[in-house]
Every structure is written in structure tokens, then in C-alpha cells.
Amino acid sequence: MFTTFQEVERFFDSRKSLGIKPGLERVNRLLALLDHPQKKMKAIHIAGTNGKGSTVEYMNKALQVNGYQVGIFTSPSLSGLTGHIYLNDREISKEEFLNLCNTIYPKIKQMDKENLAPTEFEIITVLGFLYFSTYGDITLIEAGMGGREDTTNCFQPIISIITNIAKDHTKFLGDTIAEIAYQKAGIIKKNAPVITGTLETDALAVIKKEVTKKETAMYRLGEDFFYQRGAWQQLTWKSNQRQLETRLAMFGEHQAKNASVAYMALEKLSETGLSISFAKAADAIASTQLAGRFEIVSRDPVIVLDGSHNPAGIAAFLSTVEENFPNSDKHILFAAFKDKDLKAMLKQLDNKFESITLTSFCHPRAASAEQLFSLTQAKNKQMNSDWEQAVKEMIDKQSGYYFITGSLHFISNVRKYFLLLS
């Protein structure tokens, strides 16, 4: 049993050696040993290659302003173990997390003896479900990777959301859009309507097939609900039932799409009996911001953080940069996991900035600065393995615009650094 949070951290560190194990046998066994806490939650499941975090945050703020206690389960965490579990924007306390660990620990040891050792993320997921079985009116569960075999895919949602589908995690999810869509489609359940963002043809065919198989309804951006985007992130949203006007605080076309998906989810929630004022929801969504999503962390000089961790994310990031900083003196710092499509990401970044600096960070999956440097064809490239030193050099500049992007884990480290400076 655990008496300090440091003991909890050491325990989870020891589980890292188990790695990532697709499949639901272990998580379902652990939930069964705990009397199925997932059956006591009212929850929405959100999957997608990009946009999950923003869509979750739009819904979170809209539901809270309507008086609901809102839980969030998210990954990766930007603040350690407790950063996966939130209730009304409050991160679960270390004491609460420790108590849950003591509840679950005997079951983990039992499974270890059964040769069904649960992984670090499986344990965190079950801890979250155990917490939300007691706290929260509604919970937003963000899938970790994929959907069908993702650890979080072990409950019956009231609504499923698939924000978009692009190539990412191909080692685990497949090399084609159709294969990846098949994995994302695994979160679709009977009696739970599905809301999707924009889907290309191959993905749409797979999702439609799963919707038919599960005998549920599908609501798709561009088909069942729509948006128009004006200057300065002005958003007009329409469905068959209503029209809403919002000016978003977050930058980019992709955020208009994420907010539109969130609005449709709120509309479907209202049809389940939840009382929702859409005027209040629109005001809440208008002021929503999310850490590490085109977040301005310094204004003198301007420094922007953005967690663009795959080619589709980089494309959205570059579109937002060009729209908001079309003629500026722009520089970028980049670091990413080595199992990502690094060549494609770096090719997108090549020569879009006056300079690119390649760096690394402390994580077993992190690509080295040397590896990234060798992969980019940018004319003005440089390498600095010490990302903190690279950031200090940015801060000392007197002019120009600076962007830091790549892995969300990397962005979380950089963000902590800026928080300590403030």
C-alpha cells in the first residue's frame, strides 16, 4: 500500500517497462474486479487524430456554464499522473489519487499473479473511471490512441465523437486511412449517436459501415451541421434546429471545425434530457482556450506554443501561422517522438520559417536533435540538444516571431518552463 505520493510515482514508473499493449482484456478484468465502475458513469467518448483536446474543452466549458459537474479524462498529461483526471477544471489532488491507488492496488497484484499485468495507462484509466463513478454529472473521455483497442474503449457512451481521421501511430493503427478509420470506428456503440468532423472518402465509408452495423445514427460536419468562418475567428454555426454566433478565442480553421463538432454534441445531449442554454454555451465556447494549442506564452518577443505532433497537425499549425503572421520574421523550434512520421513533418516545415532549430527532450521515445537535423532539408537549420537553452535564446531576442511545436510531451515541458518564469 502507498503512504506518500512519491511511492505512487515510483510504482507507475515501474509499470512503464510493460510498454503499450493494445487490447481490452486486462482493463476489462481490472474493472470487473472493482465492480464495474464504468457502468456508473454518464460519459461521452471522443476519438480522432487531432482536435480531441480542443473539442473536449469546448464541451467542458459549455456544460459547466450550464451548471453541470464535468469530468475529463485526457492523455497525454501536461502535469504528471494527476493531469489525466479533472473535475470542473480542478486536477485530481495527489491525496485523492493516492487513495484510489490504495483501493486498486490489491486487484493489480492479483492480476500480476494471473499473468495479466495491467500497464501504466490501463491503471490510470481505471483510476479515472473509479473516480468518475462517484464524482461528476457527465464525463468526457478522450481516447488515448486509435479507438477499437484503446484502453478507454471499455464503457457504453451516451454519444461518440470522431473529430477527424489522418495518418498517425501507423505502427499500431495501420498504414492507410481506411485501416486507421476502422480503429477509430471501434468507439461507435449501439444506442449512442455518432458525431464526426470532416472525413475523407475512405474514412467515411468505414465509419458509415460501423454505424450501420451498430444500428445507430450519424451526424457529420458538412452534411448535418455546418459552419461559416468570418474575420477574427467569427463563427456562424447551423443545424436543422438552430443557428449560433460565436467569436472563438482559439486560432485557426481547425478550431472552427472543433467548435462545430462540440456544438452538435451539445445539441444531441439536449435531446437526451439535459437542460442546456445555447446562449450560455456560445459565450463559454467563445472564451475557451486550451494550453499548448497555438498558445501565446510571451509577447515580447512573441512566442507561440502548439502541440502539432503529426502531419495533419503540422498542416493545421502552418495554416494558422500563415493566416495570422503572413509577413513576419518567423523562427521555429521543433522536437518530436521518433516513432512519428518525422520526414513528412519536417518536409512540411522546410523553408516555411527564416530558421528552424531541432532539439530533443527527456523521454525514451524522443527523437534526437541529430536525427531531426539529418532529416530536414531546410536551408537555414541548426541544432541544439538543450531545448531550455534554445528557449532562453528565443526569449533574449529583440525582434521576430518564435514558434515551438512538436510532441505534446515536449510542449508540456516547455510550458512548465514558461510558467516558472511568470
Protein backbone atom coordinates (compact mmCIF):
# COMPACT_ATOMS: atom_id res chain seq x y z
CA MET A 1 0.00 0.00 0.00
CA PHE A 2 1.06 3.61 -0.52
CA THR A 3 1.67 6.24 2.15
CA THR A 4 3.27 9.01 0.03
CA PHE A 5 2.74 10.28 -3.49
CA GLN A 6 6.41 9.65 -4.22
CA GLU A 7 5.72 5.95 -3.67
CA VAL A 8 2.84 6.18 -6.13
CA GLU A 9 5.12 7.81 -8.73
CA ARG A 10 7.76 5.12 -8.28
CA PHE A 11 5.10 2.44 -8.72
CA PHE A 12 3.88 3.93 -12.00
CA ASP A 13 7.46 4.34 -13.21
CA SER A 14 7.94 0.62 -12.60
CA ARG A 15 4.95 -0.15 -14.87
CA LYS A 16 6.43 1.77 -17.81
CA SER A 17 8.53 -1.29 -18.68
CA LEU A 18 5.31 -3.05 -19.73
CA GLY A 19 5.01 -0.59 -22.62
CA ILE A 20 1.90 -0.17 -24.79
CA LYS A 21 -0.26 -3.27 -25.12
CA PRO A 22 -3.29 -2.97 -27.42
CA GLY A 23 -6.33 -4.94 -26.37
CA LEU A 24 -9.00 -4.72 -23.70
CA GLU A 25 -8.64 -7.98 -21.79
CA ARG A 26 -6.58 -6.51 -18.95
CA VAL A 27 -8.55 -3.29 -18.47
CA ASN A 28 -11.87 -5.15 -18.53
CA ARG A 29 -10.56 -7.64 -15.96
CA LEU A 30 -9.43 -4.84 -13.66
CA LEU A 31 -12.78 -3.06 -13.98
CA ALA A 32 -14.61 -6.31 -13.20
CA LEU A 33 -12.54 -6.79 -10.04
CA LEU A 34 -13.66 -3.29 -8.98
CA ASP A 35 -17.38 -3.98 -9.61
CA HIS A 36 -17.53 -2.22 -13.00
CA PRO A 37 -17.24 1.48 -12.11
CA GLN A 38 -17.54 2.37 -15.82
CA LYS A 39 -21.22 1.37 -15.68
CA LYS A 40 -21.86 4.08 -13.10
CA MET A 41 -20.67 6.96 -15.33
CA LYS A 42 -22.61 9.10 -17.79
CA ALA A 43 -19.91 9.73 -20.37
CA ILE A 44 -19.04 10.78 -23.92
CA HIS A 45 -16.22 9.09 -25.83
CA ILE A 46 -14.02 11.26 -28.08
CA ALA A 47 -11.56 9.85 -30.62
CA GLY A 48 -9.77 11.38 -33.60
CA THR A 49 -6.31 12.03 -34.97
CA ASN A 50 -6.34 15.70 -33.98
CA GLY A 51 -8.73 18.08 -32.25
CA LYS A 52 -9.80 15.84 -29.37
CA GLY A 53 -8.43 18.12 -26.67
CA SER A 54 -9.98 21.30 -28.07
CA THR A 55 -13.35 19.65 -28.68
CA VAL A 56 -13.35 18.31 -25.13
CA GLU A 57 -12.50 21.73 -23.73
CA TYR A 58 -15.27 23.49 -25.70
CA MET A 59 -17.80 20.99 -24.35
CA ASN A 60 -16.36 21.17 -20.86
CA LYS A 61 -16.79 24.93 -20.62
CA ALA A 62 -20.25 24.88 -22.22
CA LEU A 63 -21.53 22.21 -19.84
CA GLN A 64 -20.05 23.84 -16.76
CA VAL A 65 -21.67 27.19 -17.50
CA ASN A 66 -24.96 25.28 -17.71
CA GLY A 67 -24.49 24.08 -14.14
CA TYR A 68 -23.09 20.58 -14.63
CA GLN A 69 -20.18 18.96 -12.80
CA VAL A 70 -17.93 17.92 -15.69
CA GLY A 71 -15.23 15.28 -15.51
CA ILE A 72 -12.43 14.96 -18.06
CA PHE A 73 -10.13 12.03 -18.70
CA THR A 74 -7.32 13.07 -21.03
CA SER A 75 -3.93 12.00 -22.35
CA PRO A 76 -1.16 12.81 -22.57
CA SER A 77 -1.00 14.66 -19.28
CA LEU A 78 0.65 18.08 -19.16
CA SER A 79 1.29 17.82 -15.42
CA GLY A 80 2.20 14.30 -14.33
CA LEU A 81 -0.04 11.49 -13.11
CA THR A 82 -2.81 13.67 -11.75
CA GLY A 83 -3.07 15.63 -15.02
CA HIS A 84 -5.15 12.87 -16.63
CA ILE A 85 -8.17 13.40 -14.36
CA TYR A 86 -10.12 16.65 -13.92
CA LEU A 87 -13.41 17.68 -12.37
CA ASN A 88 -14.66 21.17 -13.21
CA ASP A 89 -11.14 22.21 -14.29
CA ARG A 90 -9.66 21.02 -10.99
CA GLU A 91 -6.98 18.41 -11.32
CA ILE A 92 -7.47 15.46 -9.01
CA SER A 93 -5.43 16.01 -5.84
CA LYS A 94 -2.43 13.86 -5.01
CA GLU A 95 -4.23 12.69 -1.87
CA GLU A 96 -7.30 11.59 -3.86
CA PHE A 97 -5.10 9.87 -6.42
CA LEU A 98 -3.17 8.06 -3.68
CA ASN A 99 -6.38 6.86 -2.03
CA LEU A 100 -7.63 5.48 -5.34
CA CYS A 101 -4.30 3.72 -5.83
CA ASN A 102 -4.69 2.02 -2.46
CA THR A 103 -8.18 0.89 -3.48
CA ILE A 104 -7.00 -0.59 -6.74
CA TYR A 105 -3.55 -1.90 -5.72
CA PRO A 106 -4.68 -5.33 -4.35
CA LYS A 107 -6.50 -6.00 -7.63
CA ILE A 108 -3.39 -5.11 -9.61
CA LYS A 109 -1.31 -7.55 -7.60
CA GLN A 110 -3.94 -10.22 -8.17
CA MET A 111 -3.74 -9.63 -11.93
CA ASP A 112 0.05 -9.69 -11.86
CA LYS A 113 -0.17 -13.19 -10.39
CA GLU A 114 -2.65 -14.15 -13.12
CA ASN A 115 -0.07 -13.11 -15.77
CA LEU A 116 -2.40 -10.27 -16.80
CA ALA A 117 -0.24 -7.40 -15.55
CA PRO A 118 -2.04 -4.12 -16.37
CA THR A 119 0.04 -1.38 -17.96
CA GLU A 120 0.62 2.10 -16.59
CA PHE A 121 -2.06 3.67 -18.81
CA GLU A 122 -4.56 0.89 -18.14
CA ILE A 123 -4.24 1.51 -14.41
CA ILE A 124 -4.60 5.29 -14.86
CA THR A 125 -7.70 4.76 -17.00
CA VAL A 126 -9.35 2.56 -14.39
CA LEU A 127 -8.43 5.05 -11.66
CA GLY A 128 -10.18 7.74 -13.69
CA PHE A 129 -13.29 5.64 -14.18
CA LEU A 130 -13.34 4.77 -10.48
CA TYR A 131 -13.16 8.49 -9.64
CA PHE A 132 -15.89 9.48 -12.12
CA SER A 133 -18.20 6.70 -10.95
CA THR A 134 -18.57 8.81 -7.79
CA TYR A 135 -17.96 12.39 -8.98
CA GLY A 136 -19.37 14.38 -11.89
CA ASP A 137 -22.69 14.67 -13.70
CA ILE A 138 -21.13 13.96 -17.08
CA THR A 139 -17.62 12.86 -18.12
CA LEU A 140 -15.68 13.49 -21.32
CA ILE A 141 -13.39 10.53 -22.05
CA GLU A 142 -10.62 11.22 -24.55
CA ALA A 143 -9.30 8.11 -26.31
CA GLY A 144 -5.57 7.63 -25.96
CA MET A 145 -4.68 6.06 -29.32
CA GLY A 146 -6.99 4.74 -32.01
CA GLY A 147 -10.25 3.57 -30.50
CA ARG A 148 -11.18 -0.05 -31.09
CA GLU A 149 -8.38 -1.48 -28.93
CA ASP A 150 -7.66 1.67 -26.96
CA THR A 151 -7.68 1.25 -23.21
CA THR A 152 -10.55 3.72 -22.81
CA ASN A 153 -12.87 1.68 -25.07
CA CYS A 154 -14.48 -0.22 -22.23
CA PHE A 155 -17.71 1.66 -21.48
CA GLN A 156 -21.07 2.47 -23.07
CA PRO A 157 -21.09 6.15 -24.07
CA ILE A 158 -24.18 8.31 -24.45
CA ILE A 159 -22.54 9.92 -27.52
CA SER A 160 -19.44 9.06 -29.53
CA ILE A 161 -17.36 11.72 -31.31
CA ILE A 162 -14.75 11.22 -34.03
CA THR A 163 -13.16 14.60 -34.72
CA ASN A 164 -11.19 13.63 -37.85
CA ILE A 165 -9.01 10.85 -39.26
CA ALA A 166 -5.48 11.21 -40.63
CA LYS A 167 -2.30 9.17 -40.59
CA ASP A 168 -0.70 8.82 -37.16
CA HIS A 169 0.52 5.96 -34.97
CA THR A 170 0.73 3.84 -38.13
CA LYS A 171 2.79 1.19 -36.31
CA PHE A 172 -0.26 0.42 -34.15
CA LEU A 173 -3.24 1.60 -36.23
CA GLY A 174 -2.36 0.75 -39.84
CA ASP A 175 -0.80 2.38 -42.88
CA THR A 176 -3.94 3.52 -44.69
CA ILE A 177 -6.74 5.94 -43.85
CA ALA A 178 -9.24 3.07 -44.07
CA GLU A 179 -7.27 0.97 -41.57
CA ILE A 180 -6.97 3.88 -39.15
CA ALA A 181 -10.67 4.69 -39.58
CA TYR A 182 -11.50 1.09 -38.66
CA GLN A 183 -9.68 1.56 -35.36
CA LYS A 184 -11.36 4.91 -34.63
CA ALA A 185 -14.75 3.43 -35.52
CA GLY A 186 -14.38 0.98 -32.66
CA ILE A 187 -15.75 3.55 -30.21
CA ILE A 188 -19.13 3.53 -32.01
CA LYS A 189 -21.74 1.76 -29.89
CA LYS A 190 -25.38 0.82 -30.26
CA ASN A 191 -27.84 3.44 -28.94
CA ALA A 192 -25.12 6.12 -28.92
CA PRO A 193 -25.30 8.66 -31.79
CA VAL A 194 -22.01 9.40 -33.57
CA ILE A 195 -20.83 12.92 -34.39
CA THR A 196 -17.95 13.41 -36.80
CA GLY A 197 -15.90 16.22 -38.21
CA THR A 198 -14.79 16.34 -41.82
CA LEU A 199 -13.93 12.87 -43.15
CA GLU A 200 -12.31 11.92 -46.43
CA THR A 201 -13.97 9.32 -48.64
CA ASP A 202 -12.12 6.20 -47.44
CA ALA A 203 -12.67 7.07 -43.77
CA LEU A 204 -16.31 7.96 -44.30
CA ALA A 205 -17.07 4.60 -45.90
CA VAL A 206 -15.60 2.74 -42.93
CA ILE A 207 -17.42 4.89 -40.37
CA LYS A 208 -20.76 4.52 -42.19
CA LYS A 209 -20.33 0.74 -42.26
CA GLU A 210 -19.76 0.68 -38.48
CA VAL A 211 -22.73 2.99 -37.86
CA THR A 212 -24.97 0.62 -39.83
CA LYS A 213 -23.58 -2.40 -38.02
CA LYS A 214 -24.23 -0.82 -34.61
CA GLU A 215 -27.67 0.43 -35.65
CA THR A 216 -27.12 3.97 -34.52
CA ALA A 217 -27.33 7.47 -36.04
CA MET A 218 -24.54 9.58 -37.54
CA TYR A 219 -24.25 13.39 -37.70
CA ARG A 220 -21.48 14.71 -39.94
CA LEU A 221 -19.94 18.17 -40.33
CA GLY A 222 -20.80 19.49 -43.78
CA GLU A 223 -23.77 17.15 -44.13
CA ASP A 224 -25.93 17.50 -40.99
CA PHE A 225 -24.45 20.65 -39.46
CA PHE A 226 -22.42 23.50 -40.92
CA TYR A 227 -20.27 26.50 -40.11
CA GLN A 228 -19.13 29.70 -41.78
CA ARG A 229 -16.00 31.43 -40.60
CA GLY A 230 -15.52 35.18 -40.80
CA ALA A 231 -12.76 37.59 -39.86
CA TRP A 232 -11.13 37.29 -36.44
CA GLN A 233 -12.48 33.80 -35.79
CA GLN A 234 -16.13 34.82 -36.16
CA LEU A 235 -18.13 31.58 -36.35
CA THR A 236 -21.70 31.06 -37.55
CA TRP A 237 -22.94 27.55 -36.76
CA LYS A 238 -26.10 25.96 -38.15
CA SER A 239 -28.03 22.74 -37.69
CA ASN A 240 -31.59 21.85 -38.63
CA GLN A 241 -32.73 23.23 -35.27
CA ARG A 242 -30.73 26.38 -34.55
CA GLN A 243 -28.15 28.93 -35.59
CA LEU A 244 -25.46 30.25 -33.25
CA GLU A 245 -22.94 33.09 -33.47
CA THR A 246 -19.57 32.89 -31.71
CA ARG A 247 -16.18 34.59 -31.90
CA LEU A 248 -13.57 32.00 -30.93
CA ALA A 249 -10.56 32.81 -28.77
CA MET A 250 -8.51 29.96 -30.27
CA PHE A 251 -6.87 30.47 -33.65
CA GLY A 252 -7.32 28.58 -36.90
CA GLU A 253 -9.80 26.93 -39.27
CA HIS A 254 -9.39 23.67 -37.39
CA GLN A 255 -10.73 25.30 -34.23
CA ALA A 256 -13.87 26.36 -36.09
CA LYS A 257 -14.35 22.68 -37.00
CA ASN A 258 -13.71 21.53 -33.43
CA ALA A 259 -16.18 24.06 -32.02
CA SER A 260 -18.78 22.98 -34.60
CA VAL A 261 -18.47 19.35 -33.54
CA ALA A 262 -18.81 20.41 -29.90
CA TYR A 263 -21.99 22.38 -30.68
CA MET A 264 -23.54 19.34 -32.38
CA ALA A 265 -22.67 17.16 -29.40
CA LEU A 266 -24.36 19.67 -27.11
CA GLU A 267 -27.45 19.63 -29.31
CA LYS A 268 -27.64 15.84 -29.12
CA LEU A 269 -27.08 15.96 -25.36
CA SER A 270 -30.00 18.35 -25.01
CA GLU A 271 -32.15 15.75 -26.77
CA THR A 272 -31.26 13.19 -24.08
CA GLY A 273 -32.89 15.40 -21.45
CA LEU A 274 -30.01 17.63 -20.33
CA SER A 275 -31.11 21.23 -19.87
CA ILE A 276 -28.75 23.37 -21.97
CA SER A 277 -28.90 27.10 -22.65
CA PHE A 278 -27.19 27.52 -26.01
CA ALA A 279 -26.73 31.24 -25.39
CA LYS A 280 -24.67 30.40 -22.30
CA ALA A 281 -22.87 27.64 -24.22
CA ALA A 282 -21.93 30.04 -27.03
CA ASP A 283 -20.50 32.56 -24.55
CA ALA A 284 -18.48 29.82 -22.85
CA ILE A 285 -17.13 28.44 -26.12
CA ALA A 286 -16.21 31.96 -27.24
CA SER A 287 -13.83 32.35 -24.28
CA THR A 288 -12.41 28.82 -24.33
CA GLN A 289 -8.65 28.44 -24.58
CA LEU A 290 -6.50 25.33 -24.25
CA ALA A 291 -2.94 25.03 -23.03
CA GLY A 292 -0.46 24.26 -25.77
CA ARG A 293 -2.85 24.88 -28.68
CA PHE A 294 -1.45 27.91 -30.51
CA GLU A 295 -0.91 29.45 -27.09
CA ILE A 296 0.93 32.76 -26.87
CA VAL A 297 3.25 32.43 -23.86
CA SER A 298 5.30 35.58 -24.46
CA ARG A 299 4.53 38.87 -26.19
CA ASP A 300 7.98 40.50 -26.05
CA PRO A 301 9.13 38.77 -28.15
CA VAL A 302 6.07 36.86 -29.39
CA ILE A 303 6.48 33.14 -28.62
CA VAL A 304 3.74 30.63 -29.53
CA LEU A 305 3.41 27.02 -28.33
CA ASP A 306 1.49 24.49 -30.39
CA GLY A 307 1.28 20.73 -29.90
CA SER A 308 1.39 19.65 -33.56
CA HIS A 309 2.53 16.05 -33.30
CA ASN A 310 1.66 14.53 -36.69
CA PRO A 311 1.48 15.67 -40.35
CA ALA A 312 -2.19 16.69 -40.16
CA GLY A 313 -1.47 18.73 -37.03
CA ILE A 314 1.50 20.41 -38.69
CA ALA A 315 -0.69 21.31 -41.69
CA ALA A 316 -3.26 22.97 -39.42
CA PHE A 317 -0.48 24.74 -37.50
CA LEU A 318 1.11 26.12 -40.67
CA SER A 319 -2.25 27.34 -41.96
CA THR A 320 -2.84 29.20 -38.70
CA VAL A 321 0.68 30.70 -38.75
CA GLU A 322 0.25 31.94 -42.33
CA GLU A 323 -3.19 33.39 -41.60
CA ASN A 324 -2.07 35.31 -38.52
CA PHE A 325 1.60 36.06 -39.26
CA PRO A 326 1.78 36.24 -43.09
CA ASN A 327 4.75 38.60 -43.50
CA SER A 328 6.57 38.24 -40.19
CA ASP A 329 10.15 37.29 -39.35
CA LYS A 330 9.33 33.76 -38.18
CA HIS A 331 11.52 31.13 -36.47
CA ILE A 332 10.66 27.66 -35.18
CA LEU A 333 11.89 25.17 -32.58
CA PHE A 334 10.86 21.54 -33.15
CA ALA A 335 11.08 18.25 -31.24
CA ALA A 336 9.07 15.05 -31.63
CA PHE A 337 8.79 11.36 -30.85
CA LYS A 338 10.98 9.16 -33.05
CA ASP A 339 8.07 6.83 -33.93
CA LYS A 340 6.20 9.64 -35.71
CA ASP A 341 6.36 10.39 -39.44
CA LEU A 342 9.31 12.72 -38.96
CA LYS A 343 10.25 13.05 -42.64
CA ALA A 344 6.75 14.17 -43.60
CA MET A 345 6.51 16.63 -40.71
CA LEU A 346 9.91 18.18 -41.37
CA LYS A 347 9.24 18.40 -45.10
CA GLN A 348 6.13 20.44 -44.30
CA LEU A 349 8.21 22.79 -42.12
CA ASP A 350 11.09 23.11 -44.59
CA ASN A 351 11.70 26.75 -45.56
CA LYS A 352 8.40 27.99 -44.10
CA PHE A 353 10.42 29.88 -41.47
CA GLU A 354 13.51 32.07 -41.54
CA SER A 355 15.21 29.43 -39.41
CA ILE A 356 14.45 26.05 -37.85
CA THR A 357 16.14 24.73 -34.71
CA LEU A 358 15.96 21.00 -34.00
CA THR A 359 16.08 19.87 -30.39
CA SER A 360 15.17 16.97 -28.11
CA PHE A 361 13.74 16.31 -24.64
CA CYS A 362 13.90 13.75 -21.88
CA HIS A 363 11.72 10.83 -22.93
CA PRO A 364 12.60 7.32 -24.17
CA ARG A 365 10.59 7.90 -27.35
CA ALA A 366 12.10 11.31 -28.14
CA ALA A 367 13.98 11.67 -31.42
CA SER A 368 17.48 13.10 -31.03
CA ALA A 369 18.31 16.56 -32.30
CA GLU A 370 20.90 14.94 -34.57
CA GLN A 371 18.27 12.66 -36.14
CA LEU A 372 15.89 15.55 -36.80
CA PHE A 373 18.72 17.70 -38.18
CA SER A 374 19.64 14.99 -40.67
CA LEU A 375 16.05 14.64 -41.89
CA THR A 376 15.27 18.27 -42.65
CA GLN A 377 16.18 19.91 -45.97
CA ALA A 378 15.64 23.43 -44.64
CA LYS A 379 18.24 25.92 -45.86
CA ASN A 380 18.72 27.66 -42.52
CA LYS A 381 18.77 24.86 -39.96
CA GLN A 382 20.55 24.50 -36.67
CA MET A 383 20.70 22.02 -33.83
CA ASN A 384 20.59 22.46 -30.07
CA SER A 385 20.11 19.33 -27.95
CA ASP A 386 19.35 21.52 -24.91
CA TRP A 387 15.83 22.81 -25.51
CA GLU A 388 15.97 25.06 -22.45
CA GLN A 389 19.00 26.84 -23.88
CA ALA A 390 17.21 27.20 -27.22
CA VAL A 391 14.19 28.74 -25.48
CA LYS A 392 16.41 31.13 -23.48
CA GLU A 393 17.92 32.33 -26.74
CA MET A 394 14.42 33.00 -28.09
CA ILE A 395 13.44 34.98 -25.01
CA ASP A 396 16.55 37.16 -25.34
CA LYS A 397 15.70 38.20 -28.90
CA GLN A 398 14.58 41.77 -29.50
CA SER A 399 12.53 41.14 -32.64
CA GLY A 400 10.85 38.40 -34.67
CA TYR A 401 8.18 35.80 -34.01
CA TYR A 402 9.01 32.42 -32.49
CA PHE A 403 7.08 29.15 -32.62
CA ILE A 404 7.67 25.99 -30.62
CA THR A 405 5.94 22.85 -31.86
CA GLY A 406 6.04 19.06 -31.94
CA SER A 407 5.23 16.40 -29.37
CA LEU A 408 2.66 17.31 -26.72
CA HIS A 409 5.05 15.89 -24.12
CA PHE A 410 7.72 18.32 -25.32
CA ILE A 411 5.25 21.21 -25.36
CA SER A 412 4.20 20.38 -21.79
CA ASN A 413 7.83 20.64 -20.67
CA VAL A 414 8.27 23.99 -22.39
CA ARG A 415 5.01 25.29 -20.97
CA LYS A 416 6.10 24.40 -17.42
CA TYR A 417 9.30 26.33 -18.07
CA PHE A 418 7.35 29.46 -19.07
CA LEU A 419 5.01 29.10 -16.07
CA LEU A 420 8.02 29.15 -13.75
CA LEU A 421 9.20 32.37 -15.40
CA SER A 422 5.87 34.14 -14.88
